[in-house]
């Protein structure tokens, strides 16, 4: 089994990375391979609900971490999403990332029945 730990912090080696490292260590102790994916610190546009992804097979906003992520997720069985908490919610870049990942996926990669936290 392989798990992908998604670091939604703009700080690559910050507290979210540390927390994901602890989760990754626990997973490895249980025999689960765990890799980390950092969404980066460059702006990620939010989904505009244009539905162009359905016809194109990809989001109209190209060249950011969303397409990179969708290109690798097929090789993973589980996901852990980590984000700093700002004002009682996840970081804005992580929210935009997740909205576009799940909306623009449009059947390319199934997340059905894969555990996530």
PDB file of N, CA and C in Angstrom:
ATOM      1  N   UNK A   1       0.849  -1.179   0.000  1.00  0.00           N
ATOM      2  CA  UNK A   1       0.000   0.000   0.000  1.00  0.00           C
ATOM      3  C   UNK A   1       0.889   1.234   0.000  1.00  0.00           C
ATOM      4  N   UNK A   2       0.457   2.257  -0.742  1.00  0.00           N
ATOM      5  CA  UNK A   2       1.195   3.515  -0.816  1.00  0.00           C
ATOM      6  C   UNK A   2       0.281   4.674  -0.441  1.00  0.00           C
ATOM      7  N   UNK A   3       0.789   5.567   0.398  1.00  0.00           N
ATOM      8  CA  UNK A   3       0.035   6.748   0.809  1.00  0.00           C
ATOM      9  C   UNK A   3       0.792   7.999   0.368  1.00  0.00           C
ATOM     10  N   UNK A   4       0.037   9.003  -0.035  1.00  0.00           N
ATOM     11  CA  UNK A   4       0.617  10.281  -0.415  1.00  0.00           C
ATOM     12  C   UNK A   4       0.219  11.321   0.621  1.00  0.00           C
ATOM     13  N   UNK A   5       1.222  11.931   1.231  1.00  0.00           N
ATOM     14  CA  UNK A   5       1.004  12.963   2.237  1.00  0.00           C
ATOM     15  C   UNK A   5       1.127  14.311   1.542  1.00  0.00           C
ATOM     16  N   UNK A   6       0.064  15.102   1.531  1.00  0.00           N
ATOM     17  CA  UNK A   6       0.026  16.363   0.800  1.00  0.00           C
ATOM     18  C   UNK A   6       0.248  17.522   1.758  1.00  0.00           C
ATOM     19  N   UNK A   7       1.361  18.225   1.552  1.00  0.00           N
ATOM     20  CA  UNK A   7       1.732  19.350   2.401  1.00  0.00           C
ATOM     21  C   UNK A   7       1.166  20.630   1.796  1.00  0.00           C
ATOM     22  N   UNK A   8       0.147  21.191   2.433  1.00  0.00           N
ATOM     23  CA  UNK A   8      -0.518  22.393   1.951  1.00  0.00           C
ATOM     24  C   UNK A   8       0.001  23.672   2.553  1.00  0.00           C
ATOM     25  N   UNK A   9       1.162  23.634   3.153  1.00  0.00           N
ATOM     26  CA  UNK A   9       1.750  24.833   3.754  1.00  0.00           C
ATOM     27  C   UNK A   9       2.658  25.532   2.752  1.00  0.00           C
ATOM     28  N   UNK A  10       2.718  26.867   2.805  1.00  0.00           N
ATOM     29  CA  UNK A  10       3.677  27.570   1.947  1.00  0.00           C
ATOM     30  C   UNK A  10       5.118  27.371   2.409  1.00  0.00           C
ATOM     31  N   UNK A  11       5.294  26.843   3.610  1.00  0.00           N
ATOM     32  CA  UNK A  11       6.629  26.609   4.174  1.00  0.00           C
ATOM     33  C   UNK A  11       6.944  25.117   4.058  1.00  0.00           C
ATOM     34  N   UNK A  12       7.816  24.781   3.113  1.00  0.00           N
ATOM     35  CA  UNK A  12       8.101  23.385   2.790  1.00  0.00           C
ATOM     36  C   UNK A  12       8.540  22.560   4.002  1.00  0.00           C
ATOM     37  N   UNK A  13       9.354  23.129   4.873  1.00  0.00           N
ATOM     38  CA  UNK A  13       9.854  22.380   6.017  1.00  0.00           C
ATOM     39  C   UNK A  13       9.254  22.830   7.333  1.00  0.00           C
ATOM     40  N   UNK A  14       8.071  23.412   7.309  1.00  0.00           N
ATOM     41  CA  UNK A  14       7.455  23.960   8.513  1.00  0.00           C
ATOM     42  C   UNK A  14       6.714  22.943   9.362  1.00  0.00           C
ATOM     43  N   UNK A  15       5.780  23.455  10.153  1.00  0.00           N
ATOM     44  CA  UNK A  15       5.036  22.624  11.113  1.00  0.00           C
ATOM     45  C   UNK A  15       4.166  21.575  10.429  1.00  0.00           C
ATOM     46  N   UNK A  16       3.566  21.913   9.293  1.00  0.00           N
ATOM     47  CA  UNK A  16       2.734  20.940   8.581  1.00  0.00           C
ATOM     48  C   UNK A  16       3.593  19.787   8.091  1.00  0.00           C
ATOM     49  N   UNK A  17       4.772  20.096   7.580  1.00  0.00           N
ATOM     50  CA  UNK A  17       5.727  19.062   7.163  1.00  0.00           C
ATOM     51  C   UNK A  17       6.094  18.165   8.352  1.00  0.00           C
ATOM     52  N   UNK A  18       6.339  18.786   9.503  1.00  0.00           N
ATOM     53  CA  UNK A  18       6.688  18.026  10.710  1.00  0.00           C
ATOM     54  C   UNK A  18       5.546  17.086  11.102  1.00  0.00           C
ATOM     55  N   UNK A  19       4.313  17.597  11.080  1.00  0.00           N
ATOM     56  CA  UNK A  19       3.157  16.769  11.436  1.00  0.00           C
ATOM     57  C   UNK A  19       2.976  15.619  10.443  1.00  0.00           C
ATOM     58  N   UNK A  20       3.129  15.918   9.161  1.00  0.00           N
ATOM     59  CA  UNK A  20       3.014  14.867   8.151  1.00  0.00           C
ATOM     60  C   UNK A  20       4.138  13.840   8.292  1.00  0.00           C
ATOM     61  N   UNK A  21       5.303  14.296   8.739  1.00  0.00           N
ATOM     62  CA  UNK A  21       6.416  13.378   8.979  1.00  0.00           C
ATOM     63  C   UNK A  21       6.093  12.378  10.071  1.00  0.00           C
ATOM     64  N   UNK A  22       5.405  12.831  11.104  1.00  0.00           N
ATOM     65  CA  UNK A  22       4.995  11.933  12.189  1.00  0.00           C
ATOM     66  C   UNK A  22       3.974  10.914  11.669  1.00  0.00           C
ATOM     67  N   UNK A  23       3.010  11.389  10.886  1.00  0.00           N
ATOM     68  CA  UNK A  23       2.016  10.487  10.290  1.00  0.00           C
ATOM     69  C   UNK A  23       2.711   9.491   9.363  1.00  0.00           C
ATOM     70  N   UNK A  24       3.621   9.996   8.537  1.00  0.00           N
ATOM     71  CA  UNK A  24       4.363   9.131   7.621  1.00  0.00           C
ATOM     72  C   UNK A  24       5.163   8.068   8.355  1.00  0.00           C
ATOM     73  N   UNK A  25       5.780   8.449   9.464  1.00  0.00           N
ATOM     74  CA  UNK A  25       6.531   7.489  10.270  1.00  0.00           C
ATOM     75  C   UNK A  25       5.643   6.387  10.812  1.00  0.00           C
ATOM     76  N   UNK A  26       4.463   6.761  11.299  1.00  0.00           N
ATOM     77  CA  UNK A  26       3.521   5.764  11.816  1.00  0.00           C
ATOM     78  C   UNK A  26       3.045   4.837  10.699  1.00  0.00           C
ATOM     79  N   UNK A  27       2.810   5.402   9.527  1.00  0.00           N
ATOM     80  CA  UNK A  27       2.383   4.569   8.398  1.00  0.00           C
ATOM     81  C   UNK A  27       3.481   3.589   7.998  1.00  0.00           C
ATOM     82  N   UNK A  28       4.712   4.071   7.952  1.00  0.00           N
ATOM     83  CA  UNK A  28       5.839   3.204   7.579  1.00  0.00           C
ATOM     84  C   UNK A  28       6.028   2.064   8.574  1.00  0.00           C
ATOM     85  N   UNK A  29       5.793   2.347   9.868  1.00  0.00           N
ATOM     86  CA  UNK A  29       5.877   1.296  10.888  1.00  0.00           C
ATOM     87  C   UNK A  29       4.848   0.199  10.642  1.00  0.00           C
ATOM     88  N   UNK A  30       3.762   0.554   9.985  1.00  0.00           N
ATOM     89  CA  UNK A  30       2.703  -0.417   9.669  1.00  0.00           C
ATOM     90  C   UNK A  30       2.886  -1.023   8.280  1.00  0.00           C
ATOM     91  N   UNK A  31       4.016  -0.737   7.648  1.00  0.00           N
ATOM     92  CA  UNK A  31       4.302  -1.328   6.343  1.00  0.00           C
ATOM     93  C   UNK A  31       3.741  -0.579   5.154  1.00  0.00           C
ATOM     94  N   UNK A  32       3.298   0.660   5.374  1.00  0.00           N
ATOM     95  CA  UNK A  32       2.742   1.467   4.291  1.00  0.00           C
ATOM     96  C   UNK A  32       3.832   2.398   3.774  1.00  0.00           C
ATOM     97  N   UNK A  33       4.045   2.393   2.482  1.00  0.00           N
ATOM     98  CA  UNK A  33       4.998   3.329   1.868  1.00  0.00           C
ATOM     99  C   UNK A  33       4.352   4.710   1.865  1.00  0.00           C
ATOM    100  N   UNK A  34       5.098   5.743   2.255  1.00  0.00           N
ATOM    101  CA  UNK A  34       4.533   7.091   2.342  1.00  0.00           C
ATOM    102  C   UNK A  34       5.478   8.098   1.682  1.00  0.00           C
ATOM    103  N   UNK A  35       4.923   8.884   0.769  1.00  0.00           N
ATOM    104  CA  UNK A  35       5.655   9.951   0.092  1.00  0.00           C
ATOM    105  C   UNK A  35       4.978  11.278   0.400  1.00  0.00           C
ATOM    106  N   UNK A  36       5.751  12.364   0.325  1.00  0.00           N
ATOM    107  CA  UNK A  36       5.188  13.694   0.563  1.00  0.00           C
ATOM    108  C   UNK A  36       5.158  14.492  -0.729  1.00  0.00           C
ATOM    109  N   UNK A  37       4.064  15.223  -0.938  1.00  0.00           N
ATOM    110  CA  UNK A  37       3.894  16.115  -2.083  1.00  0.00           C
ATOM    111  C   UNK A  37       3.630  17.509  -1.530  1.00  0.00           C
ATOM    112  N   UNK A  38       4.457  18.470  -1.904  1.00  0.00           N
ATOM    113  CA  UNK A  38       4.299  19.850  -1.433  1.00  0.00           C
ATOM    114  C   UNK A  38       3.608  20.665  -2.513  1.00  0.00           C
ATOM    115  N   UNK A  39       2.522  21.350  -2.170  1.00  0.00           N
ATOM    116  CA  UNK A  39       1.798  22.133  -3.175  1.00  0.00           C
ATOM    117  C   UNK A  39       2.531  23.425  -3.526  1.00  0.00           C
ATOM    118  N   UNK A  40       3.547  23.751  -2.772  1.00  0.00           N
ATOM    119  CA  UNK A  40       4.373  24.911  -3.100  1.00  0.00           C
ATOM    120  C   UNK A  40       3.897  26.210  -2.482  1.00  0.00           C
ATOM    121  N   UNK A  41       4.572  27.276  -2.861  1.00  0.00           N
ATOM    122  CA  UNK A  41       4.213  28.591  -2.316  1.00  0.00           C
ATOM    123  C   UNK A  41       3.910  29.596  -3.424  1.00  0.00           C
ATOM    124  N   UNK A  42       3.609  29.102  -4.601  1.00  0.00           N
ATOM    125  CA  UNK A  42       3.173  29.968  -5.697  1.00  0.00           C
ATOM    126  C   UNK A  42       1.649  29.987  -5.697  1.00  0.00           C
ATOM    127  N   UNK A  43       1.051  31.058  -6.202  1.00  0.00           N
ATOM    128  CA  UNK A  43      -0.418  31.146  -6.198  1.00  0.00           C
ATOM    129  C   UNK A  43      -1.076  29.989  -6.956  1.00  0.00           C
ATOM    130  N   UNK A  44      -2.172  29.512  -6.402  1.00  0.00           N
ATOM    131  CA  UNK A  44      -2.993  28.491  -7.051  1.00  0.00           C
ATOM    132  C   UNK A  44      -4.372  29.106  -7.239  1.00  0.00           C
ATOM    133  N   UNK A  45      -4.784  29.217  -8.494  1.00  0.00           N
ATOM    134  CA  UNK A  45      -6.091  29.803  -8.792  1.00  0.00           C
ATOM    135  C   UNK A  45      -7.202  28.897  -8.296  1.00  0.00           C
ATOM    136  N   UNK A  46      -8.266  29.511  -7.843  1.00  0.00           N
ATOM    137  CA  UNK A  46      -9.426  28.746  -7.420  1.00  0.00           C
ATOM    138  C   UNK A  46     -10.248  28.299  -8.614  1.00  0.00           C
ATOM    139  N   UNK A  47     -11.052  27.283  -8.411  1.00  0.00           N
ATOM    140  CA  UNK A  47     -11.933  26.778  -9.459  1.00  0.00           C
ATOM    141  C   UNK A  47     -12.984  27.844  -9.783  1.00  0.00           C
ATOM    142  N   UNK A  48     -13.215  28.057 -11.086  1.00  0.00           N
ATOM    143  CA  UNK A  48     -14.225  29.034 -11.494  1.00  0.00           C
ATOM    144  C   UNK A  48     -15.481  28.349 -12.031  1.00  0.00           C
ATOM    145  N   UNK A  49     -15.542  27.018 -11.936  1.00  0.00           N
ATOM    146  CA  UNK A  49     -16.731  26.278 -12.338  1.00  0.00           C
ATOM    147  C   UNK A  49     -17.080  26.433 -13.815  1.00  0.00           C
ATOM    148  N   UNK A  50     -16.069  26.543 -14.672  1.00  0.00           N
ATOM    149  CA  UNK A  50     -16.316  26.751 -16.106  1.00  0.00           C
ATOM    150  C   UNK A  50     -16.624  25.454 -16.845  1.00  0.00           C
ATOM    151  N   UNK A  51     -16.366  24.315 -16.220  1.00  0.00           N
ATOM    152  CA  UNK A  51     -16.612  22.982 -16.776  1.00  0.00           C
ATOM    153  C   UNK A  51     -15.789  22.670 -18.020  1.00  0.00           C
ATOM    154  N   UNK A  52     -14.788  23.481 -18.331  1.00  0.00           N
ATOM    155  CA  UNK A  52     -13.935  23.213 -19.486  1.00  0.00           C
ATOM    156  C   UNK A  52     -13.119  21.938 -19.282  1.00  0.00           C
ATOM    157  N   UNK A  53     -12.857  21.593 -18.038  1.00  0.00           N
ATOM    158  CA  UNK A  53     -12.076  20.385 -17.742  1.00  0.00           C
ATOM    159  C   UNK A  53     -12.773  19.128 -18.259  1.00  0.00           C
ATOM    160  N   UNK A  54     -14.097  19.149 -18.314  1.00  0.00           N
ATOM    161  CA  UNK A  54     -14.833  17.982 -18.776  1.00  0.00           C
ATOM    162  C   UNK A  54     -14.518  17.673 -20.239  1.00  0.00           C
ATOM    163  N   UNK A  55     -14.406  18.693 -21.048  1.00  0.00           N
ATOM    164  CA  UNK A  55     -14.107  18.499 -22.459  1.00  0.00           C
ATOM    165  C   UNK A  55     -12.627  18.385 -22.758  1.00  0.00           C
ATOM    166  N   UNK A  56     -11.829  19.143 -22.028  1.00  0.00           N
ATOM    167  CA  UNK A  56     -10.376  19.174 -22.253  1.00  0.00           C
ATOM    168  C   UNK A  56      -9.647  17.991 -21.632  1.00  0.00           C
ATOM    169  N   UNK A  57     -10.181  17.507 -20.521  1.00  0.00           N
ATOM    170  CA  UNK A  57      -9.488  16.470 -19.769  1.00  0.00           C
ATOM    171  C   UNK A  57      -8.488  17.046 -18.788  1.00  0.00           C
ATOM    172  N   UNK A  58      -8.453  18.364 -18.678  1.00  0.00           N
ATOM    173  CA  UNK A  58      -7.574  19.028 -17.714  1.00  0.00           C
ATOM    174  C   UNK A  58      -8.139  20.417 -17.438  1.00  0.00           C
ATOM    175  N   UNK A  59      -7.666  20.999 -16.369  1.00  0.00           N
ATOM    176  CA  UNK A  59      -8.116  22.326 -15.951  1.00  0.00           C
ATOM    177  C   UNK A  59      -7.582  23.396 -16.905  1.00  0.00           C
ATOM    178  N   UNK A  60      -8.347  24.478 -17.070  1.00  0.00           N
ATOM    179  CA  UNK A  60      -7.896  25.591 -17.922  1.00  0.00           C
ATOM    180  C   UNK A  60      -6.723  26.334 -17.303  1.00  0.00           C
ATOM    181  N   UNK A  61      -6.571  26.236 -16.001  1.00  0.00           N
ATOM    182  CA  UNK A  61      -5.431  26.853 -15.329  1.00  0.00           C
ATOM    183  C   UNK A  61      -4.283  25.851 -15.368  1.00  0.00           C
ATOM    184  N   UNK A  62      -3.357  26.069 -16.248  1.00  0.00           N
ATOM    185  CA  UNK A  62      -2.274  25.113 -16.463  1.00  0.00           C
ATOM    186  C   UNK A  62      -0.999  25.571 -15.781  1.00  0.00           C
ATOM    187  N   UNK A  63      -0.112  24.611 -15.556  1.00  0.00           N
ATOM    188  CA  UNK A  63       1.228  24.928 -15.086  1.00  0.00           C
ATOM    189  C   UNK A  63       1.388  25.069 -13.585  1.00  0.00           C
ATOM    190  N   UNK A  64       0.395  24.662 -12.812  1.00  0.00           N
ATOM    191  CA  UNK A  64       0.577  24.712 -11.366  1.00  0.00           C
ATOM    192  C   UNK A  64       0.558  23.299 -10.792  1.00  0.00           C
ATOM    193  N   UNK A  65       0.554  23.192  -9.507  1.00  0.00           N
ATOM    194  CA  UNK A  65       0.696  21.908  -8.832  1.00  0.00           C
ATOM    195  C   UNK A  65      -0.517  20.989  -8.966  1.00  0.00           C
ATOM    196  N   UNK A  66      -1.662  21.517  -9.368  1.00  0.00           N
ATOM    197  CA  UNK A  66      -2.853  20.680  -9.489  1.00  0.00           C
ATOM    198  C   UNK A  66      -2.643  19.605 -10.551  1.00  0.00           C
ATOM    199  N   UNK A  67      -2.209  19.997 -11.728  1.00  0.00           N
ATOM    200  CA  UNK A  67      -1.994  19.015 -12.800  1.00  0.00           C
ATOM    201  C   UNK A  67      -0.858  18.055 -12.456  1.00  0.00           C
ATOM    202  N   UNK A  68       0.190  18.570 -11.804  1.00  0.00           N
ATOM    203  CA  UNK A  68       1.286  17.695 -11.374  1.00  0.00           C
ATOM    204  C   UNK A  68       0.767  16.628 -10.415  1.00  0.00           C
ATOM    205  N   UNK A  69      -0.061  17.034  -9.466  1.00  0.00           N
ATOM    206  CA  UNK A  69      -0.646  16.119  -8.492  1.00  0.00           C
ATOM    207  C   UNK A  69      -1.513  15.073  -9.184  1.00  0.00           C
ATOM    208  N   UNK A  70      -2.392  15.520 -10.086  1.00  0.00           N
ATOM    209  CA  UNK A  70      -3.272  14.578 -10.776  1.00  0.00           C
ATOM    210  C   UNK A  70      -2.495  13.599 -11.639  1.00  0.00           C
ATOM    211  N   UNK A  71      -1.297  13.985 -12.044  1.00  0.00           N
ATOM    212  CA  UNK A  71      -0.467  13.088 -12.827  1.00  0.00           C
ATOM    213  C   UNK A  71       0.145  11.946 -12.036  1.00  0.00           C
ATOM    214  N   UNK A  72       0.211  12.076 -10.714  1.00  0.00           N
ATOM    215  CA  UNK A  72       0.853  11.036  -9.899  1.00  0.00           C
ATOM    216  C   UNK A  72      -0.097  10.276  -8.985  1.00  0.00           C
ATOM    217  N   UNK A  73      -1.309  10.784  -8.771  1.00  0.00           N
ATOM    218  CA  UNK A  73      -2.185  10.176  -7.755  1.00  0.00           C
ATOM    219  C   UNK A  73      -2.641   8.768  -8.083  1.00  0.00           C
ATOM    220  N   UNK A  74      -2.621   8.385  -9.348  1.00  0.00           N
ATOM    221  CA  UNK A  74      -3.058   7.048  -9.712  1.00  0.00           C
ATOM    222  C   UNK A  74      -2.216   5.951  -9.084  1.00  0.00           C
ATOM    223  N   UNK A  75      -0.999   6.277  -8.694  1.00  0.00           N
ATOM    224  CA  UNK A  75      -0.115   5.291  -8.088  1.00  0.00           C
ATOM    225  C   UNK A  75      -0.238   5.191  -6.578  1.00  0.00           C
ATOM    226  N   UNK A  76      -1.227   5.863  -5.995  1.00  0.00           N
ATOM    227  CA  UNK A  76      -1.383   5.858  -4.540  1.00  0.00           C
ATOM    228  C   UNK A  76      -2.733   5.285  -4.135  1.00  0.00           C
ATOM    229  N   UNK A  77      -2.727   4.650  -2.953  1.00  0.00           N
ATOM    230  CA  UNK A  77      -3.924   3.989  -2.436  1.00  0.00           C
ATOM    231  C   UNK A  77      -4.624   4.780  -1.343  1.00  0.00           C
ATOM    232  N   UNK A  78      -3.930   5.771  -0.777  1.00  0.00           N
ATOM    233  CA  UNK A  78      -4.486   6.550   0.331  1.00  0.00           C
ATOM    234  C   UNK A  78      -3.849   7.934   0.331  1.00  0.00           C
ATOM    235  N   UNK A  79      -4.517   8.890   0.972  1.00  0.00           N
ATOM    236  CA  UNK A  79      -4.046  10.272   0.990  1.00  0.00           C
ATOM    237  C   UNK A  79      -4.222  10.882   2.370  1.00  0.00           C
ATOM    238  N   UNK A  80      -3.256  11.702   2.743  1.00  0.00           N
ATOM    239  CA  UNK A  80      -3.364  12.500   3.965  1.00  0.00           C
ATOM    240  C   UNK A  80      -3.088  13.940   3.547  1.00  0.00           C
ATOM    241  N   UNK A  81      -4.072  14.822   3.753  1.00  0.00           N
ATOM    242  CA  UNK A  81      -3.938  16.223   3.395  1.00  0.00           C
ATOM    243  C   UNK A  81      -3.646  17.019   4.660  1.00  0.00           C
ATOM    244  N   UNK A  82      -2.544  17.764   4.635  1.00  0.00           N
ATOM    245  CA  UNK A  82      -2.158  18.581   5.779  1.00  0.00           C
ATOM    246  C   UNK A  82      -2.121  20.041   5.393  1.00  0.00           C
ATOM    247  N   UNK A  83      -2.588  20.895   6.293  1.00  0.00           N
ATOM    248  CA  UNK A  83      -2.609  22.326   6.028  1.00  0.00           C
ATOM    249  C   UNK A  83      -2.472  23.092   7.329  1.00  0.00           C
ATOM    250  N   UNK A  84      -1.835  24.262   7.265  1.00  0.00           N
ATOM    251  CA  UNK A  84      -1.909  25.136   8.431  1.00  0.00           C
ATOM    252  C   UNK A  84      -3.366  25.573   8.621  1.00  0.00           C
ATOM    253  N   UNK A  85      -3.721  25.933   9.822  1.00  0.00           N
ATOM    254  CA  UNK A  85      -5.077  26.407  10.097  1.00  0.00           C
ATOM    255  C   UNK A  85      -5.033  27.915  10.311  1.00  0.00           C
ATOM    256  N   UNK A  86      -5.701  28.615   9.418  1.00  0.00           N
ATOM    257  CA  UNK A  86      -5.798  30.080   9.498  1.00  0.00           C
ATOM    258  C   UNK A  86      -7.247  30.451   9.757  1.00  0.00           C
ATOM    259  N   UNK A  87      -7.514  31.145  10.832  1.00  0.00           N
ATOM    260  CA  UNK A  87      -8.857  31.619  11.147  1.00  0.00           C
ATOM    261  C   UNK A  87      -9.884  30.488  11.085  1.00  0.00           C
ATOM    262  N   UNK A  88      -9.572  29.391  11.730  1.00  0.00           N
ATOM    263  CA  UNK A  88     -10.451  28.218  11.871  1.00  0.00           C
ATOM    264  C   UNK A  88     -10.682  27.458  10.577  1.00  0.00           C
ATOM    265  N   UNK A  89      -9.826  27.632   9.589  1.00  0.00           N
ATOM    266  CA  UNK A  89      -9.971  26.895   8.331  1.00  0.00           C
ATOM    267  C   UNK A  89      -8.613  26.642   7.699  1.00  0.00           C
ATOM    268  N   UNK A  90      -8.604  25.793   6.683  1.00  0.00           N
ATOM    269  CA  UNK A  90      -7.348  25.485   6.003  1.00  0.00           C
ATOM    270  C   UNK A  90      -6.837  26.707   5.249  1.00  0.00           C
ATOM    271  N   UNK A  91      -5.567  26.664   4.902  1.00  0.00           N
ATOM    272  CA  UNK A  91      -4.946  27.736   4.130  1.00  0.00           C
ATOM    273  C   UNK A  91      -5.670  27.885   2.798  1.00  0.00           C
ATOM    274  N   UNK A  92      -5.804  29.110   2.330  1.00  0.00           N
ATOM    275  CA  UNK A  92      -6.522  29.386   1.087  1.00  0.00           C
ATOM    276  C   UNK A  92      -5.951  28.642  -0.104  1.00  0.00           C
ATOM    277  N   UNK A  93      -4.625  28.546  -0.186  1.00  0.00           N
ATOM    278  CA  UNK A  93      -4.021  27.838  -1.315  1.00  0.00           C
ATOM    279  C   UNK A  93      -4.399  26.360  -1.294  1.00  0.00           C
ATOM    280  N   UNK A  94      -4.507  25.774  -0.109  1.00  0.00           N
ATOM    281  CA  UNK A  94      -4.896  24.368   0.004  1.00  0.00           C
ATOM    282  C   UNK A  94      -6.356  24.186  -0.400  1.00  0.00           C
ATOM    283  N   UNK A  95      -7.209  25.117  -0.027  1.00  0.00           N
ATOM    284  CA  UNK A  95      -8.626  25.055  -0.410  1.00  0.00           C
ATOM    285  C   UNK A  95      -8.769  25.128  -1.922  1.00  0.00           C
ATOM    286  N   UNK A  96      -8.067  26.067  -2.560  1.00  0.00           N
ATOM    287  CA  UNK A  96      -8.108  26.178  -4.022  1.00  0.00           C
ATOM    288  C   UNK A  96      -7.562  24.905  -4.670  1.00  0.00           C
ATOM    289  N   UNK A  97      -6.477  24.391  -4.122  1.00  0.00           N
ATOM    290  CA  UNK A  97      -5.865  23.163  -4.635  1.00  0.00           C
ATOM    291  C   UNK A  97      -6.869  22.012  -4.590  1.00  0.00           C
ATOM    292  N   UNK A  98      -7.478  21.793  -3.449  1.00  0.00           N
ATOM    293  CA  UNK A  98      -8.396  20.666  -3.288  1.00  0.00           C
ATOM    294  C   UNK A  98      -9.644  20.834  -4.144  1.00  0.00           C
ATOM    295  N   UNK A  99     -10.198  22.044  -4.217  1.00  0.00           N
ATOM    296  CA  UNK A  99     -11.370  22.276  -5.062  1.00  0.00           C
ATOM    297  C   UNK A  99     -11.070  21.905  -6.508  1.00  0.00           C
ATOM    298  N   UNK A 100      -9.948  22.357  -7.019  1.00  0.00           N
ATOM    299  CA  UNK A 100      -9.605  22.080  -8.411  1.00  0.00           C
ATOM    300  C   UNK A 100      -9.218  20.631  -8.642  1.00  0.00           C
ATOM    301  N   UNK A 101      -8.548  20.005  -7.682  1.00  0.00           N
ATOM    302  CA  UNK A 101      -8.191  18.586  -7.826  1.00  0.00           C
ATOM    303  C   UNK A 101      -9.451  17.755  -7.999  1.00  0.00           C
ATOM    304  N   UNK A 102     -10.418  17.949  -7.143  1.00  0.00           N
ATOM    305  CA  UNK A 102     -11.594  17.090  -7.180  1.00  0.00           C
ATOM    306  C   UNK A 102     -12.572  17.493  -8.274  1.00  0.00           C
ATOM    307  N   UNK A 103     -12.632  18.761  -8.636  1.00  0.00           N
ATOM    308  CA  UNK A 103     -13.540  19.186  -9.697  1.00  0.00           C
ATOM    309  C   UNK A 103     -12.962  18.873 -11.070  1.00  0.00           C
ATOM    310  N   UNK A 104     -11.691  19.203 -11.296  1.00  0.00           N
ATOM    311  CA  UNK A 104     -11.112  19.027 -12.630  1.00  0.00           C
ATOM    312  C   UNK A 104     -10.729  17.587 -12.928  1.00  0.00           C
ATOM    313  N   UNK A 105     -10.766  16.735 -11.923  1.00  0.00           N
ATOM    314  CA  UNK A 105     -10.424  15.330 -12.125  1.00  0.00           C
ATOM    315  C   UNK A 105     -11.345  14.688 -13.158  1.00  0.00           C
ATOM    316  N   UNK A 106     -12.632  14.945 -13.084  1.00  0.00           N
ATOM    317  CA  UNK A 106     -13.630  14.492 -14.052  1.00  0.00           C
ATOM    318  C   UNK A 106     -13.399  13.065 -14.550  1.00  0.00           C
ATOM    319  N   UNK A 107     -13.190  12.151 -13.617  1.00  0.00           N
ATOM    320  CA  UNK A 107     -13.092  10.739 -13.956  1.00  0.00           C
ATOM    321  C   UNK A 107     -11.723  10.263 -14.412  1.00  0.00           C
ATOM    322  N   UNK A 108     -10.737  11.139 -14.452  1.00  0.00           N
ATOM    323  CA  UNK A 108      -9.398  10.714 -14.878  1.00  0.00           C
ATOM    324  C   UNK A 108      -8.789   9.747 -13.883  1.00  0.00           C
ATOM    325  N   UNK A 109      -8.855  10.086 -12.619  1.00  0.00           N
ATOM    326  CA  UNK A 109      -8.290   9.261 -11.550  1.00  0.00           C
ATOM    327  C   UNK A 109      -9.380   9.094 -10.506  1.00  0.00           C
ATOM    328  N   UNK A 110      -9.635   7.874 -10.130  1.00  0.00           N
ATOM    329  CA  UNK A 110     -10.687   7.671  -9.141  1.00  0.00           C
ATOM    330  C   UNK A 110     -10.134   7.791  -7.727  1.00  0.00           C
ATOM    331  N   UNK A 111     -10.860   8.539  -6.935  1.00  0.00           N
ATOM    332  CA  UNK A 111     -10.547   8.630  -5.506  1.00  0.00           C
ATOM    333  C   UNK A 111     -11.530   7.770  -4.706  1.00  0.00           C
ATOM    334  N   UNK A 112     -12.481   7.168  -5.399  1.00  0.00           N
ATOM    335  CA  UNK A 112     -13.505   6.362  -4.732  1.00  0.00           C
ATOM    336  C   UNK A 112     -12.864   5.202  -3.976  1.00  0.00           C
ATOM    337  N   UNK A 113     -13.303   5.008  -2.761  1.00  0.00           N
ATOM    338  CA  UNK A 113     -12.887   3.925  -1.873  1.00  0.00           C
ATOM    339  C   UNK A 113     -11.435   3.997  -1.443  1.00  0.00           C
ATOM    340  N   UNK A 114     -10.752   5.117  -1.713  1.00  0.00           N
ATOM    341  CA  UNK A 114      -9.394   5.300  -1.219  1.00  0.00           C
ATOM    342  C   UNK A 114      -9.480   6.119   0.068  1.00  0.00           C
ATOM    343  N   UNK A 115      -8.896   5.615   1.150  1.00  0.00           N
ATOM    344  CA  UNK A 115      -8.967   6.363   2.403  1.00  0.00           C
ATOM    345  C   UNK A 115      -8.217   7.684   2.312  1.00  0.00           C
ATOM    346  N   UNK A 116      -8.758   8.669   2.993  1.00  0.00           N
ATOM    347  CA  UNK A 116      -8.136   9.992   3.031  1.00  0.00           C
ATOM    348  C   UNK A 116      -8.399  10.612   4.401  1.00  0.00           C
ATOM    349  N   UNK A 117      -7.463  11.431   4.807  1.00  0.00           N
ATOM    350  CA  UNK A 117      -7.617  12.150   6.073  1.00  0.00           C
ATOM    351  C   UNK A 117      -7.087  13.550   5.880  1.00  0.00           C
TER     352      UNK A 117
END
